[in-house]
Amino acid sequence: MSEQAAEVSSDDGNGVDRDVDELGTLQAQVEDHHDCIEFLELQALDAAKSLKQAAATQEELRARVKRRGERLKEAEAEIARLSKEHEELAAVINSMVERLQELSDRLNAKAE
């Protein structure tokens, strides 16, 4: 029985040592996991900031596109107005050229 008691005593010592070693390993793993979680939380915060900045940039770009679209419409309206004015001026000039041609023809007829 003393042999069994010695074996139990010996097993208990080794078992406790193993349990202590395992506990130490587990505690180290837990600390590593906590460090990883903290790192991931920081990464998530950085990602959130980046997303917020990207959203602000996107809104700014949308506003610019909208303003440029409005300016483009204004420019197209101005081009249409100038085109109409050009057509009107061309009609006036053509009318004047015809009138000058008529006058030139009359002068040539009188000169003959």
PDB file of N, CA and C in Angstrom:
ATOM      1  N   MET A   1       0.801  -1.161   0.000  1.00  0.00           N
ATOM      2  CA  MET A   1       0.000   0.000   0.000  1.00  0.00           C
ATOM      3  C   MET A   1       0.860   1.247   0.000  1.00  0.00           C
ATOM      4  N   SER A   2       1.990   1.194   0.639  1.00  0.00           N
ATOM      5  CA  SER A   2       2.884   2.332   0.636  1.00  0.00           C
ATOM      6  C   SER A   2       3.397   2.603  -0.770  1.00  0.00           C
ATOM      7  N   GLU A   3       3.542   1.534  -1.597  1.00  0.00           N
ATOM      8  CA  GLU A   3       3.957   1.745  -2.990  1.00  0.00           C
ATOM      9  C   GLU A   3       2.882   2.501  -3.743  1.00  0.00           C
ATOM     10  N   GLN A   4       1.618   2.108  -3.507  1.00  0.00           N
ATOM     11  CA  GLN A   4       0.521   2.796  -4.167  1.00  0.00           C
ATOM     12  C   GLN A   4       0.454   4.254  -3.703  1.00  0.00           C
ATOM     13  N   ALA A   5       0.656   4.476  -2.457  1.00  0.00           N
ATOM     14  CA  ALA A   5       0.636   5.833  -1.931  1.00  0.00           C
ATOM     15  C   ALA A   5       1.760   6.655  -2.537  1.00  0.00           C
ATOM     16  N   ALA A   6       2.910   6.048  -2.724  1.00  0.00           N
ATOM     17  CA  ALA A   6       4.041   6.742  -3.334  1.00  0.00           C
ATOM     18  C   ALA A   6       3.735   7.060  -4.790  1.00  0.00           C
ATOM     19  N   GLU A   7       3.110   6.090  -5.486  1.00  0.00           N
ATOM     20  CA  GLU A   7       2.750   6.338  -6.885  1.00  0.00           C
ATOM     21  C   GLU A   7       1.727   7.454  -6.990  1.00  0.00           C
ATOM     22  N   VAL A   8       0.713   7.432  -6.116  1.00  0.00           N
ATOM     23  CA  VAL A   8      -0.319   8.474  -6.130  1.00  0.00           C
ATOM     24  C   VAL A   8       0.326   9.809  -5.822  1.00  0.00           C
ATOM     25  N   SER A   9       1.190   9.822  -4.806  1.00  0.00           N
ATOM     26  CA  SER A   9       1.880  11.046  -4.433  1.00  0.00           C
ATOM     27  C   SER A   9       2.722  11.534  -5.594  1.00  0.00           C
ATOM     28  N   SER A  10       3.397  10.621  -6.259  1.00  0.00           N
ATOM     29  CA  SER A  10       4.228  10.967  -7.408  1.00  0.00           C
ATOM     30  C   SER A  10       3.366  11.450  -8.564  1.00  0.00           C
ATOM     31  N   ASP A  11       2.258  10.752  -8.825  1.00  0.00           N
ATOM     32  CA  ASP A  11       1.354  11.156  -9.909  1.00  0.00           C
ATOM     33  C   ASP A  11       0.743  12.514  -9.617  1.00  0.00           C
ATOM     34  N   ASP A  12       0.379  12.717  -8.359  1.00  0.00           N
ATOM     35  CA  ASP A  12      -0.215  13.990  -7.998  1.00  0.00           C
ATOM     36  C   ASP A  12       0.765  15.124  -8.228  1.00  0.00           C
ATOM     37  N   GLY A  13       1.988  14.918  -7.912  1.00  0.00           N
ATOM     38  CA  GLY A  13       3.009  15.947  -8.110  1.00  0.00           C
ATOM     39  C   GLY A  13       3.189  16.247  -9.581  1.00  0.00           C
ATOM     40  N   ASN A  14       3.332  15.188 -10.373  1.00  0.00           N
ATOM     41  CA  ASN A  14       3.490  15.380 -11.819  1.00  0.00           C
ATOM     42  C   ASN A  14       2.226  15.946 -12.448  1.00  0.00           C
ATOM     43  N   GLY A  15       1.091  15.452 -12.000  1.00  0.00           N
ATOM     44  CA  GLY A  15      -0.190  15.937 -12.529  1.00  0.00           C
ATOM     45  C   GLY A  15      -0.389  17.404 -12.220  1.00  0.00           C
ATOM     46  N   VAL A  16      -0.046  17.810 -11.009  1.00  0.00           N
ATOM     47  CA  VAL A  16      -0.178  19.213 -10.617  1.00  0.00           C
ATOM     48  C   VAL A  16       0.784  20.067 -11.433  1.00  0.00           C
ATOM     49  N   ASP A  17       2.012  19.553 -11.587  1.00  0.00           N
ATOM     50  CA  ASP A  17       2.988  20.296 -12.391  1.00  0.00           C
ATOM     51  C   ASP A  17       2.483  20.471 -13.820  1.00  0.00           C
ATOM     52  N   ARG A  18       1.955  19.365 -14.362  1.00  0.00           N
ATOM     53  CA  ARG A  18       1.406  19.451 -15.725  1.00  0.00           C
ATOM     54  C   ARG A  18       0.234  20.415 -15.775  1.00  0.00           C
ATOM     55  N   ASP A  19      -0.630  20.350 -14.783  1.00  0.00           N
ATOM     56  CA  ASP A  19      -1.783  21.257 -14.732  1.00  0.00           C
ATOM     57  C   ASP A  19      -1.323  22.713 -14.632  1.00  0.00           C
ATOM     58  N   VAL A  20      -0.301  22.945 -13.816  1.00  0.00           N
ATOM     59  CA  VAL A  20       0.236  24.300 -13.674  1.00  0.00           C
ATOM     60  C   VAL A  20       0.848  24.762 -14.997  1.00  0.00           C
ATOM     61  N   ASP A  21       1.615  23.878 -15.645  1.00  0.00           N
ATOM     62  CA  ASP A  21       2.205  24.217 -16.943  1.00  0.00           C
ATOM     63  C   ASP A  21       1.103  24.502 -17.972  1.00  0.00           C
ATOM     64  N   GLU A  22       0.090  23.650 -17.976  1.00  0.00           N
ATOM     65  CA  GLU A  22      -1.022  23.819 -18.922  1.00  0.00           C
ATOM     66  C   GLU A  22      -1.763  25.115 -18.628  1.00  0.00           C
ATOM     67  N   LEU A  23      -1.977  25.394 -17.355  1.00  0.00           N
ATOM     68  CA  LEU A  23      -2.635  26.635 -16.964  1.00  0.00           C
ATOM     69  C   LEU A  23      -1.812  27.842 -17.429  1.00  0.00           C
ATOM     70  N   GLY A  24      -0.492  27.774 -17.247  1.00  0.00           N
ATOM     71  CA  GLY A  24       0.386  28.856 -17.707  1.00  0.00           C
ATOM     72  C   GLY A  24       0.292  29.033 -19.211  1.00  0.00           C
ATOM     73  N   THR A  25       0.287  27.895 -19.928  1.00  0.00           N
ATOM     74  CA  THR A  25       0.160  27.943 -21.393  1.00  0.00           C
ATOM     75  C   THR A  25      -1.177  28.556 -21.787  1.00  0.00           C
ATOM     76  N   LEU A  26      -2.232  28.124 -21.135  1.00  0.00           N
ATOM     77  CA  LEU A  26      -3.562  28.658 -21.433  1.00  0.00           C
ATOM     78  C   LEU A  26      -3.635  30.152 -21.122  1.00  0.00           C
ATOM     79  N   GLN A  27      -3.036  30.579 -20.027  1.00  0.00           N
ATOM     80  CA  GLN A  27      -3.038  31.999 -19.685  1.00  0.00           C
ATOM     81  C   GLN A  27      -2.279  32.799 -20.746  1.00  0.00           C
ATOM     82  N   ALA A  28      -1.169  32.262 -21.211  1.00  0.00           N
ATOM     83  CA  ALA A  28      -0.398  32.932 -22.262  1.00  0.00           C
ATOM     84  C   ALA A  28      -1.222  33.022 -23.541  1.00  0.00           C
ATOM     85  N   GLN A  29      -1.940  31.940 -23.864  1.00  0.00           N
ATOM     86  CA  GLN A  29      -2.791  31.954 -25.058  1.00  0.00           C
ATOM     87  C   GLN A  29      -3.918  32.975 -24.919  1.00  0.00           C
ATOM     88  N   VAL A  30      -4.501  33.038 -23.719  1.00  0.00           N
ATOM     89  CA  VAL A  30      -5.564  34.015 -23.470  1.00  0.00           C
ATOM     90  C   VAL A  30      -5.023  35.427 -23.654  1.00  0.00           C
ATOM     91  N   GLU A  31      -3.825  35.690 -23.101  1.00  0.00           N
ATOM     92  CA  GLU A  31      -3.210  37.015 -23.260  1.00  0.00           C
ATOM     93  C   GLU A  31      -2.945  37.313 -24.735  1.00  0.00           C
ATOM     94  N   ASP A  32      -2.456  36.306 -25.459  1.00  0.00           N
ATOM     95  CA  ASP A  32      -2.232  36.484 -26.901  1.00  0.00           C
ATOM     96  C   ASP A  32      -3.550  36.792 -27.612  1.00  0.00           C
ATOM     97  N   HIS A  33      -4.605  36.089 -27.229  1.00  0.00           N
ATOM     98  CA  HIS A  33      -5.919  36.329 -27.847  1.00  0.00           C
ATOM     99  C   HIS A  33      -6.418  37.730 -27.515  1.00  0.00           C
ATOM    100  N   HIS A  34      -6.198  38.152 -26.262  1.00  0.00           N
ATOM    101  CA  HIS A  34      -6.597  39.510 -25.881  1.00  0.00           C
ATOM    102  C   HIS A  34      -5.816  40.535 -26.698  1.00  0.00           C
ATOM    103  N   ASP A  35      -4.529  40.304 -26.882  1.00  0.00           N
ATOM    104  CA  ASP A  35      -3.712  41.210 -27.704  1.00  0.00           C
ATOM    105  C   ASP A  35      -4.236  41.240 -29.129  1.00  0.00           C
ATOM    106  N   CYS A  36      -4.576  40.068 -29.660  1.00  0.00           N
ATOM    107  CA  CYS A  36      -5.127  39.998 -31.020  1.00  0.00           C
ATOM    108  C   CYS A  36      -6.449  40.743 -31.108  1.00  0.00           C
ATOM    109  N   ILE A  37      -7.282  40.582 -30.100  1.00  0.00           N
ATOM    110  CA  ILE A  37      -8.581  41.271 -30.086  1.00  0.00           C
ATOM    111  C   ILE A  37      -8.374  42.780 -30.043  1.00  0.00           C
ATOM    112  N   GLU A  38      -7.460  43.240 -29.210  1.00  0.00           N
ATOM    113  CA  GLU A  38      -7.165  44.676 -29.131  1.00  0.00           C
ATOM    114  C   GLU A  38      -6.652  45.186 -30.472  1.00  0.00           C
ATOM    115  N   PHE A  39      -5.767  44.414 -31.097  1.00  0.00           N
ATOM    116  CA  PHE A  39      -5.242  44.798 -32.403  1.00  0.00           C
ATOM    117  C   PHE A  39      -6.378  44.864 -33.431  1.00  0.00           C
ATOM    118  N   LEU A  40      -7.246  43.866 -33.430  1.00  0.00           N
ATOM    119  CA  LEU A  40      -8.367  43.849 -34.374  1.00  0.00           C
ATOM    120  C   LEU A  40      -9.342  44.995 -34.106  1.00  0.00           C
ATOM    121  N   GLU A  41      -9.543  45.326 -32.833  1.00  0.00           N
ATOM    122  CA  GLU A  41     -10.404  46.461 -32.510  1.00  0.00           C
ATOM    123  C   GLU A  41      -9.812  47.751 -33.059  1.00  0.00           C
ATOM    124  N   LEU A  42      -8.492  47.916 -32.915  1.00  0.00           N
ATOM    125  CA  LEU A  42      -7.830  49.106 -33.471  1.00  0.00           C
ATOM    126  C   LEU A  42      -7.937  49.131 -34.985  1.00  0.00           C
ATOM    127  N   GLN A  43      -7.769  47.969 -35.594  1.00  0.00           N
ATOM    128  CA  GLN A  43      -7.909  47.875 -37.050  1.00  0.00           C
ATOM    129  C   GLN A  43      -9.337  48.241 -37.475  1.00  0.00           C
ATOM    130  N   ALA A  44     -10.319  47.775 -36.718  1.00  0.00           N
ATOM    131  CA  ALA A  44     -11.718  48.083 -37.018  1.00  0.00           C
ATOM    132  C   ALA A  44     -11.978  49.582 -36.888  1.00  0.00           C
ATOM    133  N   LEU A  45     -11.402  50.212 -35.863  1.00  0.00           N
ATOM    134  CA  LEU A  45     -11.555  51.668 -35.702  1.00  0.00           C
ATOM    135  C   LEU A  45     -10.917  52.411 -36.874  1.00  0.00           C
ATOM    136  N   ASP A  46      -9.719  51.977 -37.265  1.00  0.00           N
ATOM    137  CA  ASP A  46      -9.052  52.600 -38.418  1.00  0.00           C
ATOM    138  C   ASP A  46      -9.883  52.412 -39.682  1.00  0.00           C
ATOM    139  N   ALA A  47     -10.436  51.228 -39.861  1.00  0.00           N
ATOM    140  CA  ALA A  47     -11.263  50.955 -41.035  1.00  0.00           C
ATOM    141  C   ALA A  47     -12.517  51.825 -41.019  1.00  0.00           C
ATOM    142  N   ALA A  48     -13.104  51.994 -39.849  1.00  0.00           N
ATOM    143  CA  ALA A  48     -14.294  52.840 -39.731  1.00  0.00           C
ATOM    144  C   ALA A  48     -13.966  54.290 -40.083  1.00  0.00           C
ATOM    145  N   LYS A  49     -12.807  54.772 -39.604  1.00  0.00           N
ATOM    146  CA  LYS A  49     -12.380  56.135 -39.950  1.00  0.00           C
ATOM    147  C   LYS A  49     -12.172  56.262 -41.449  1.00  0.00           C
ATOM    148  N   SER A  50     -11.528  55.268 -42.036  1.00  0.00           N
ATOM    149  CA  SER A  50     -11.287  55.292 -43.477  1.00  0.00           C
ATOM    150  C   SER A  50     -12.595  55.284 -44.249  1.00  0.00           C
ATOM    151  N   LEU A  51     -13.546  54.476 -43.807  1.00  0.00           N
ATOM    152  CA  LEU A  51     -14.855  54.439 -44.465  1.00  0.00           C
ATOM    153  C   LEU A  51     -15.566  55.782 -44.353  1.00  0.00           C
ATOM    154  N   LYS A  52     -15.455  56.400 -43.189  1.00  0.00           N
ATOM    155  CA  LYS A  52     -16.086  57.704 -42.988  1.00  0.00           C
ATOM    156  C   LYS A  52     -15.460  58.739 -43.920  1.00  0.00           C
ATOM    157  N   GLN A  53     -14.131  58.714 -44.018  1.00  0.00           N
ATOM    158  CA  GLN A  53     -13.448  59.642 -44.918  1.00  0.00           C
ATOM    159  C   GLN A  53     -13.823  59.358 -46.366  1.00  0.00           C
ATOM    160  N   ALA A  54     -13.915  58.089 -46.720  1.00  0.00           N
ATOM    161  CA  ALA A  54     -14.298  57.726 -48.089  1.00  0.00           C
ATOM    162  C   ALA A  54     -15.713  58.200 -48.386  1.00  0.00           C
ATOM    163  N   ALA A  55     -16.613  58.074 -47.434  1.00  0.00           N
ATOM    164  CA  ALA A  55     -17.991  58.527 -47.624  1.00  0.00           C
ATOM    165  C   ALA A  55     -18.033  60.040 -47.812  1.00  0.00           C
ATOM    166  N   ALA A  56     -17.249  60.761 -47.030  1.00  0.00           N
ATOM    167  CA  ALA A  56     -17.199  62.219 -47.164  1.00  0.00           C
ATOM    168  C   ALA A  56     -16.637  62.605 -48.528  1.00  0.00           C
ATOM    169  N   THR A  57     -15.596  61.911 -48.949  1.00  0.00           N
ATOM    170  CA  THR A  57     -15.010  62.175 -50.268  1.00  0.00           C
ATOM    171  C   THR A  57     -16.017  61.875 -51.365  1.00  0.00           C
ATOM    172  N   GLN A  58     -16.731  60.774 -51.212  1.00  0.00           N
ATOM    173  CA  GLN A  58     -17.733  60.399 -52.207  1.00  0.00           C
ATOM    174  C   GLN A  58     -18.826  61.472 -52.295  1.00  0.00           C
ATOM    175  N   GLU A  59     -19.273  61.978 -51.159  1.00  0.00           N
ATOM    176  CA  GLU A  59     -20.285  63.035 -51.152  1.00  0.00           C
ATOM    177  C   GLU A  59     -19.756  64.296 -51.828  1.00  0.00           C
ATOM    178  N   GLU A  60     -18.508  64.626 -51.531  1.00  0.00           N
ATOM    179  CA  GLU A  60     -17.897  65.806 -52.155  1.00  0.00           C
ATOM    180  C   GLU A  60     -17.827  65.629 -53.673  1.00  0.00           C
ATOM    181  N   LEU A  61     -17.431  64.437 -54.108  1.00  0.00           N
ATOM    182  CA  LEU A  61     -17.353  64.171 -55.539  1.00  0.00           C
ATOM    183  C   LEU A  61     -18.732  64.224 -56.196  1.00  0.00           C
ATOM    184  N   ARG A  62     -19.741  63.703 -55.508  1.00  0.00           N
ATOM    185  CA  ARG A  62     -21.109  63.779 -56.044  1.00  0.00           C
ATOM    186  C   ARG A  62     -21.538  65.231 -56.198  1.00  0.00           C
ATOM    187  N   ALA A  63     -21.219  66.056 -55.204  1.00  0.00           N
ATOM    188  CA  ALA A  63     -21.574  67.472 -55.271  1.00  0.00           C
ATOM    189  C   ALA A  63     -20.859  68.146 -56.444  1.00  0.00           C
ATOM    190  N   ARG A  64     -19.591  67.808 -56.644  1.00  0.00           N
ATOM    191  CA  ARG A  64     -18.844  68.374 -57.774  1.00  0.00           C
ATOM    192  C   ARG A  64     -19.464  67.953 -59.101  1.00  0.00           C
ATOM    193  N   VAL A  65     -19.800  66.680 -59.214  1.00  0.00           N
ATOM    194  CA  VAL A  65     -20.406  66.181 -60.451  1.00  0.00           C
ATOM    195  C   VAL A  65     -21.727  66.893 -60.704  1.00  0.00           C
ATOM    196  N   LYS A  66     -22.499  67.082 -59.641  1.00  0.00           N
ATOM    197  CA  LYS A  66     -23.785  67.772 -59.779  1.00  0.00           C
ATOM    198  C   LYS A  66     -23.573  69.205 -60.272  1.00  0.00           C
ATOM    199  N   ARG A  67     -22.600  69.908 -59.651  1.00  0.00           N
ATOM    200  CA  ARG A  67     -22.319  71.293 -60.073  1.00  0.00           C
ATOM    201  C   ARG A  67     -21.833  71.330 -61.516  1.00  0.00           C
ATOM    202  N   ARG A  68     -20.971  70.383 -61.875  1.00  0.00           N
ATOM    203  CA  ARG A  68     -20.481  70.352 -63.255  1.00  0.00           C
ATOM    204  C   ARG A  68     -21.611  70.038 -64.229  1.00  0.00           C
ATOM    205  N   GLY A  69     -22.515  69.162 -63.815  1.00  0.00           N
ATOM    206  CA  GLY A  69     -23.679  68.864 -64.649  1.00  0.00           C
ATOM    207  C   GLY A  69     -24.531  70.105 -64.865  1.00  0.00           C
ATOM    208  N   GLU A  70     -24.710  70.878 -63.787  1.00  0.00           N
ATOM    209  CA  GLU A  70     -25.479  72.123 -63.899  1.00  0.00           C
ATOM    210  C   GLU A  70     -24.770  73.114 -64.817  1.00  0.00           C
ATOM    211  N   ARG A  71     -23.458  73.224 -64.660  1.00  0.00           N
ATOM    212  CA  ARG A  71     -22.695  74.138 -65.532  1.00  0.00           C
ATOM    213  C   ARG A  71     -22.741  73.660 -66.981  1.00  0.00           C
ATOM    214  N   LEU A  72     -22.713  72.357 -67.176  1.00  0.00           N
ATOM    215  CA  LEU A  72     -22.794  71.808 -68.529  1.00  0.00           C
ATOM    216  C   LEU A  72     -24.134  72.168 -69.162  1.00  0.00           C
ATOM    217  N   LYS A  73     -25.219  72.039 -68.390  1.00  0.00           N
ATOM    218  CA  LYS A  73     -26.545  72.411 -68.912  1.00  0.00           C
ATOM    219  C   LYS A  73     -26.579  73.892 -69.256  1.00  0.00           C
ATOM    220  N   GLU A  74     -25.996  74.719 -68.388  1.00  0.00           N
ATOM    221  CA  GLU A  74     -25.936  76.158 -68.664  1.00  0.00           C
ATOM    222  C   GLU A  74     -25.134  76.430 -69.930  1.00  0.00           C
ATOM    223  N   ALA A  75     -24.014  75.726 -70.087  1.00  0.00           N
ATOM    224  CA  ALA A  75     -23.180  75.911 -71.278  1.00  0.00           C
ATOM    225  C   ALA A  75     -23.932  75.461 -72.531  1.00  0.00           C
ATOM    226  N   GLU A  76     -24.652  74.347 -72.432  1.00  0.00           N
ATOM    227  CA  GLU A  76     -25.430  73.868 -73.580  1.00  0.00           C
ATOM    228  C   GLU A  76     -26.511  74.879 -73.950  1.00  0.00           C
ATOM    229  N   ALA A  77     -27.156  75.479 -72.947  1.00  0.00           N
ATOM    230  CA  ALA A  77     -28.175  76.499 -73.203  1.00  0.00           C
ATOM    231  C   ALA A  77     -27.542  77.725 -73.867  1.00  0.00           C
ATOM    232  N   GLU A  78     -26.358  78.098 -73.406  1.00  0.00           N
ATOM    233  CA  GLU A  78     -25.646  79.240 -74.009  1.00  0.00           C
ATOM    234  C   GLU A  78     -25.259  78.937 -75.454  1.00  0.00           C
ATOM    235  N   ILE A  79     -24.808  77.708 -75.693  1.00  0.00           N
ATOM    236  CA  ILE A  79     -24.459  77.308 -77.069  1.00  0.00           C
ATOM    237  C   ILE A  79     -25.691  77.359 -77.958  1.00  0.00           C
ATOM    238  N   ALA A  80     -26.820  76.883 -77.462  1.00  0.00           N
ATOM    239  CA  ALA A  80     -28.066  76.920 -78.243  1.00  0.00           C
ATOM    240  C   ALA A  80     -28.467  78.368 -78.535  1.00  0.00           C
ATOM    241  N   ARG A  81     -28.339  79.228 -77.524  1.00  0.00           N
ATOM    242  CA  ARG A  81     -28.671  80.648 -77.715  1.00  0.00           C
ATOM    243  C   ARG A  81     -27.755  81.293 -78.755  1.00  0.00           C
ATOM    244  N   LEU A  82     -26.440  81.013 -78.648  1.00  0.00           N
ATOM    245  CA  LEU A  82     -25.485  81.575 -79.602  1.00  0.00           C
ATOM    246  C   LEU A  82     -25.701  81.014 -81.010  1.00  0.00           C
ATOM    247  N   SER A  83     -26.062  79.748 -81.087  1.00  0.00           N
ATOM    248  CA  SER A  83     -26.341  79.150 -82.399  1.00  0.00           C
ATOM    249  C   SER A  83     -27.539  79.840 -83.055  1.00  0.00           C
ATOM    250  N   LYS A  84     -28.581  80.090 -82.268  1.00  0.00           N
ATOM    251  CA  LYS A  84     -29.764  80.780 -82.799  1.00  0.00           C
ATOM    252  C   LYS A  84     -29.395  82.191 -83.233  1.00  0.00           C
ATOM    253  N   GLU A  85     -28.614  82.863 -82.398  1.00  0.00           N
ATOM    254  CA  GLU A  85     -28.164  84.218 -82.730  1.00  0.00           C
ATOM    255  C   GLU A  85     -27.322  84.201 -84.009  1.00  0.00           C
ATOM    256  N   HIS A  86     -26.463  83.186 -84.141  1.00  0.00           N
ATOM    257  CA  HIS A  86     -25.640  83.048 -85.340  1.00  0.00           C
ATOM    258  C   HIS A  86     -26.521  82.851 -86.571  1.00  0.00           C
ATOM    259  N   GLU A  87     -27.541  82.037 -86.460  1.00  0.00           N
ATOM    260  CA  GLU A  87     -28.453  81.806 -87.582  1.00  0.00           C
ATOM    261  C   GLU A  87     -29.171  83.098 -87.963  1.00  0.00           C
ATOM    262  N   GLU A  88     -29.611  83.858 -86.942  1.00  0.00           N
ATOM    263  CA  GLU A  88     -30.282  85.130 -87.204  1.00  0.00           C
ATOM    264  C   GLU A  88     -29.346  86.110 -87.894  1.00  0.00           C
ATOM    265  N   LEU A  89     -28.084  86.185 -87.404  1.00  0.00           N
ATOM    266  CA  LEU A  89     -27.102  87.083 -88.023  1.00  0.00           C
ATOM    267  C   LEU A  89     -26.777  86.635 -89.445  1.00  0.00           C
ATOM    268  N   ALA A  90     -26.675  85.332 -89.651  1.00  0.00           N
ATOM    269  CA  ALA A  90     -26.408  84.818 -91.000  1.00  0.00           C
ATOM    270  C   ALA A  90     -27.552  85.187 -91.933  1.00  0.00           C
ATOM    271  N   ALA A  91     -28.785  85.114 -91.455  1.00  0.00           N
ATOM    272  CA  ALA A  91     -29.943  85.486 -92.278  1.00  0.00           C
ATOM    273  C   ALA A  91     -29.890  86.971 -92.621  1.00  0.00           C
ATOM    274  N   VAL A  92     -29.547  87.826 -91.644  1.00  0.00           N
ATOM    275  CA  VAL A  92     -29.431  89.261 -91.886  1.00  0.00           C
ATOM    276  C   VAL A  92     -28.318  89.531 -92.899  1.00  0.00           C
ATOM    277  N   ILE A  93     -27.180  88.884 -92.738  1.00  0.00           N
ATOM    278  CA  ILE A  93     -26.047  89.080 -93.652  1.00  0.00           C
ATOM    279  C   ILE A  93     -26.436  88.613 -95.054  1.00  0.00           C
ATOM    280  N   ASN A  94     -27.076  87.461 -95.157  1.00  0.00           N
ATOM    281  CA  ASN A  94     -27.511  86.974 -96.475  1.00  0.00           C
ATOM    282  C   ASN A  94     -28.495  87.936 -97.119  1.00  0.00           C
ATOM    283  N   SER A  95     -29.395  88.489 -96.309  1.00  0.00           N
ATOM    284  CA  SER A  95     -30.344  89.467 -96.817  1.00  0.00           C
ATOM    285  C   SER A  95     -29.604  90.697 -97.323  1.00  0.00           C
ATOM    286  N   MET A  96     -28.606  91.145 -96.588  1.00  0.00           N
ATOM    287  CA  MET A  96     -27.813  92.319 -97.003  1.00  0.00           C
ATOM    288  C   MET A  96     -27.041  92.020 -98.289  1.00  0.00           C
ATOM    289  N   VAL A  97     -26.475  90.822 -98.379  1.00  0.00           N
ATOM    290  CA  VAL A  97     -25.737  90.444 -99.584  1.00  0.00           C
ATOM    291  C   VAL A  97     -26.677  90.444-100.783  1.00  0.00           C
ATOM    292  N   GLU A  98     -27.888  89.915-100.609  1.00  0.00           N
ATOM    293  CA  GLU A  98     -28.870  89.915-101.702  1.00  0.00           C
ATOM    294  C   GLU A  98     -29.230  91.336-102.093  1.00  0.00           C
ATOM    295  N   ARG A  99     -29.440  92.182-101.086  1.00  0.00           N
ATOM    296  CA  ARG A  99     -29.778  93.592-101.359  1.00  0.00           C
ATOM    297  C   ARG A  99     -28.631  94.276-102.078  1.00  0.00           C
ATOM    298  N   LEU A 100     -27.390  94.037-101.648  1.00  0.00           N
ATOM    299  CA  LEU A 100     -26.228  94.624-102.320  1.00  0.00           C
ATOM    300  C   LEU A 100     -26.120  94.108-103.752  1.00  0.00           C
ATOM    301  N   GLN A 101     -26.434  92.834-103.960  1.00  0.00           N
ATOM    302  CA  GLN A 101     -26.386  92.260-105.311  1.00  0.00           C
ATOM    303  C   GLN A 101     -27.430  92.940-106.196  1.00  0.00           C
ATOM    304  N   GLU A 102     -28.624  93.171-105.645  1.00  0.00           N
ATOM    305  CA  GLU A 102     -29.677  93.858-106.401  1.00  0.00           C
ATOM    306  C   GLU A 102     -29.233  95.267-106.772  1.00  0.00           C
ATOM    307  N   LEU A 103     -28.656  95.972-105.792  1.00  0.00           N
ATOM    308  CA  LEU A 103     -28.175  97.331-106.053  1.00  0.00           C
ATOM    309  C   LEU A 103     -27.059  97.321-107.093  1.00  0.00           C
ATOM    310  N   SER A 104     -26.161  96.331-106.975  1.00  0.00           N
ATOM    311  CA  SER A 104     -25.076  96.225-107.941  1.00  0.00           C
ATOM    312  C   SER A 104     -25.630  95.952-109.332  1.00  0.00           C
ATOM    313  N   ASP A 105     -26.630  95.086-109.411  1.00  0.00           N
ATOM    314  CA  ASP A 105     -27.249  94.796-110.717  1.00  0.00           C
ATOM    315  C   ASP A 105     -27.905  96.039-111.297  1.00  0.00           C
ATOM    316  N   ARG A 106     -28.585  96.844-110.478  1.00  0.00           N
ATOM    317  CA  ARG A 106     -29.226  98.074-110.956  1.00  0.00           C
ATOM    318  C   ARG A 106     -28.192  99.067-111.452  1.00  0.00           C
ATOM    319  N   LEU A 107     -27.099  99.216-110.669  1.00  0.00           N
ATOM    320  CA  LEU A 107     -26.050 100.150-111.073  1.00  0.00           C
ATOM    321  C   LEU A 107     -25.417  99.703-112.392  1.00  0.00           C
ATOM    322  N   ASN A 108     -25.206  98.411-112.537  1.00  0.00           N
ATOM    323  CA  ASN A 108     -24.635  97.893-113.776  1.00  0.00           C
ATOM    324  C   ASN A 108     -25.591  98.101-114.937  1.00  0.00           C
ATOM    325  N   ALA A 109     -26.894  97.988-114.683  1.00  0.00           N
ATOM    326  CA  ALA A 109     -27.886  98.181-115.737  1.00  0.00           C
ATOM    327  C   ALA A 109     -27.921  99.641-116.144  1.00  0.00           C
ATOM    328  N   LYS A 110     -27.824 100.545-115.216  1.00  0.00           N
ATOM    329  CA  LYS A 110     -27.819 101.981-115.525  1.00  0.00           C
ATOM    330  C   LYS A 110     -26.538 102.378-116.241  1.00  0.00           C
ATOM    331  N   ALA A 111     -25.457 101.737-115.899  1.00  0.00           N
ATOM    332  CA  ALA A 111     -24.172 102.073-116.499  1.00  0.00           C
ATOM    333  C   ALA A 111     -24.126 101.625-117.937  1.00  0.00           C
ATOM    334  N   GLU A 112     -24.921 100.686-118.320  1.00  0.00           N
ATOM    335  CA  GLU A 112     -24.889 100.186-119.707  1.00  0.00           C
ATOM    336  C   GLU A 112     -25.710 101.008-120.551  1.00  0.00           C
TER     337      GLU A 112
END
